[in-house]
Amino acid sequence: MMLYVVIYDISDDKRRRRVFNLLEGYGQRVQFSAFECALNDRKFEELRSRLIKVVKVNEDSVRFYPISKHTLGQVIVWGEPPLTQMPSSVVV
């Protein structure tokens, strides 16, 4: 499990709405165009493959910043919402 900060700058309103709706299903919105998503490898690849179908890479920008468990404790948050926490255990 890895925490990803996903930020985007989408030039078209319709595509921006689609990206927002898609990301909402994977994580928590923390800024206007930024989400924190705690994802395993399968979910991360699923998100990427779904986003690439919406985004126009020659017009838009999407960035994925991985935050490891090691650096998660070093993140400083001022204000709301609180930092997304990765699950301590996974039940299958």
Protein backbone atom coordinates (compact mmCIF):
# COMPACT_ATOMS: atom_id res chain seq x y z
CA MET A 1 0.00 0.00 0.00
CA MET A 2 1.32 3.42 -0.96
CA LEU A 3 -0.07 6.91 -0.48
CA TYR A 4 -0.14 8.96 -3.69
CA VAL A 5 -0.73 12.66 -3.99
CA VAL A 6 -2.43 13.12 -7.35
CA ILE A 7 -2.61 16.64 -8.74
CA TYR A 8 -4.12 17.74 -12.00
CA ASP A 9 -4.54 20.73 -14.26
CA ILE A 10 -7.19 20.00 -16.87
CA SER A 11 -7.97 22.63 -19.49
CA ASP A 12 -11.49 21.47 -20.39
CA ASP A 13 -14.37 21.73 -17.88
CA LYS A 14 -16.01 18.47 -18.96
CA ARG A 15 -12.73 16.50 -18.73
CA ARG A 16 -11.89 18.19 -15.41
CA ARG A 17 -15.24 17.06 -13.99
CA ARG A 18 -14.65 13.51 -15.24
CA VAL A 19 -11.16 13.43 -13.67
CA PHE A 20 -12.55 14.79 -10.39
CA ASN A 21 -15.34 12.19 -10.32
CA LEU A 22 -12.90 9.40 -11.09
CA LEU A 23 -10.42 10.44 -8.40
CA GLU A 24 -13.20 10.80 -5.86
CA GLY A 25 -13.64 7.03 -6.05
CA TYR A 26 -9.99 6.42 -5.18
CA GLY A 27 -9.09 8.95 -2.52
CA GLN A 28 -9.76 12.09 -0.52
CA ARG A 29 -9.80 15.56 -2.06
CA VAL A 30 -7.39 17.78 -0.11
CA GLN A 31 -7.14 20.82 -2.38
CA PHE A 32 -9.05 22.11 -5.39
CA SER A 33 -7.10 19.91 -7.84
CA ALA A 34 -5.33 17.53 -5.45
CA PHE A 35 -6.22 14.15 -4.00
CA GLU A 36 -4.53 11.81 -1.53
CA CYS A 37 -5.08 8.18 -2.49
CA ALA A 38 -3.97 5.16 -0.44
CA LEU A 39 -3.63 2.48 -3.12
CA ASN A 40 -2.15 -0.96 -3.56
CA ASP A 41 -0.33 -1.70 -6.83
CA ARG A 42 -3.44 -3.10 -8.53
CA LYS A 43 -5.61 -0.08 -7.63
CA PHE A 44 -2.86 2.33 -8.69
CA GLU A 45 -2.61 0.71 -12.12
CA GLU A 46 -6.40 0.65 -12.40
CA LEU A 47 -6.56 4.38 -11.63
CA ARG A 48 -3.83 5.18 -14.15
CA SER A 49 -5.47 3.16 -16.91
CA ARG A 50 -8.84 4.81 -16.28
CA LEU A 51 -7.37 8.32 -16.14
CA ILE A 52 -5.39 7.97 -19.37
CA LYS A 53 -8.68 7.37 -21.18
CA VAL A 54 -9.98 10.77 -19.99
CA VAL A 55 -6.90 13.00 -20.01
CA LYS A 56 -5.48 14.61 -23.14
CA VAL A 57 -1.74 14.51 -22.43
CA ASN A 58 -0.98 17.21 -25.01
CA GLU A 59 -3.37 19.65 -23.23
CA ASP A 60 -3.65 18.48 -19.60
CA SER A 61 -1.32 17.63 -16.75
CA VAL A 62 -1.67 14.89 -14.11
CA ARG A 63 1.08 14.12 -11.59
CA PHE A 64 1.39 11.21 -9.17
CA TYR A 65 3.64 11.74 -6.15
CA PRO A 66 4.24 8.58 -4.10
CA ILE A 67 4.66 9.04 -0.34
CA SER A 68 6.28 6.08 1.39
CA LYS A 69 5.55 4.98 4.95
CA HIS A 70 8.97 6.37 5.85
CA THR A 71 8.24 9.89 4.58
CA LEU A 72 4.57 9.86 5.59
CA GLY A 73 5.55 10.70 9.16
CA GLN A 74 7.46 13.75 7.90
CA VAL A 75 4.48 15.33 6.13
CA ILE A 76 3.35 18.59 7.74
CA VAL A 77 -0.31 19.52 7.37
CA TRP A 78 -1.75 22.90 8.33
CA GLY A 79 -5.52 23.15 8.22
CA GLU A 80 -8.06 20.67 6.99
CA PRO A 81 -8.54 17.96 5.90
CA PRO A 82 -6.08 15.84 7.91
CA LEU A 83 -3.49 13.73 6.11
CA THR A 84 -4.92 10.53 4.64
CA GLN A 85 -3.75 7.59 6.72
CA MET A 86 -2.82 4.28 5.16
CA PRO A 87 -4.63 1.29 6.64
CA SER A 88 -2.57 -0.44 9.32
CA SER A 89 -3.72 -3.85 8.11
CA VAL A 90 -5.62 -5.31 5.23
CA VAL A 91 -8.34 -7.92 5.62
CA VAL A 92 -9.00 -10.14 2.61
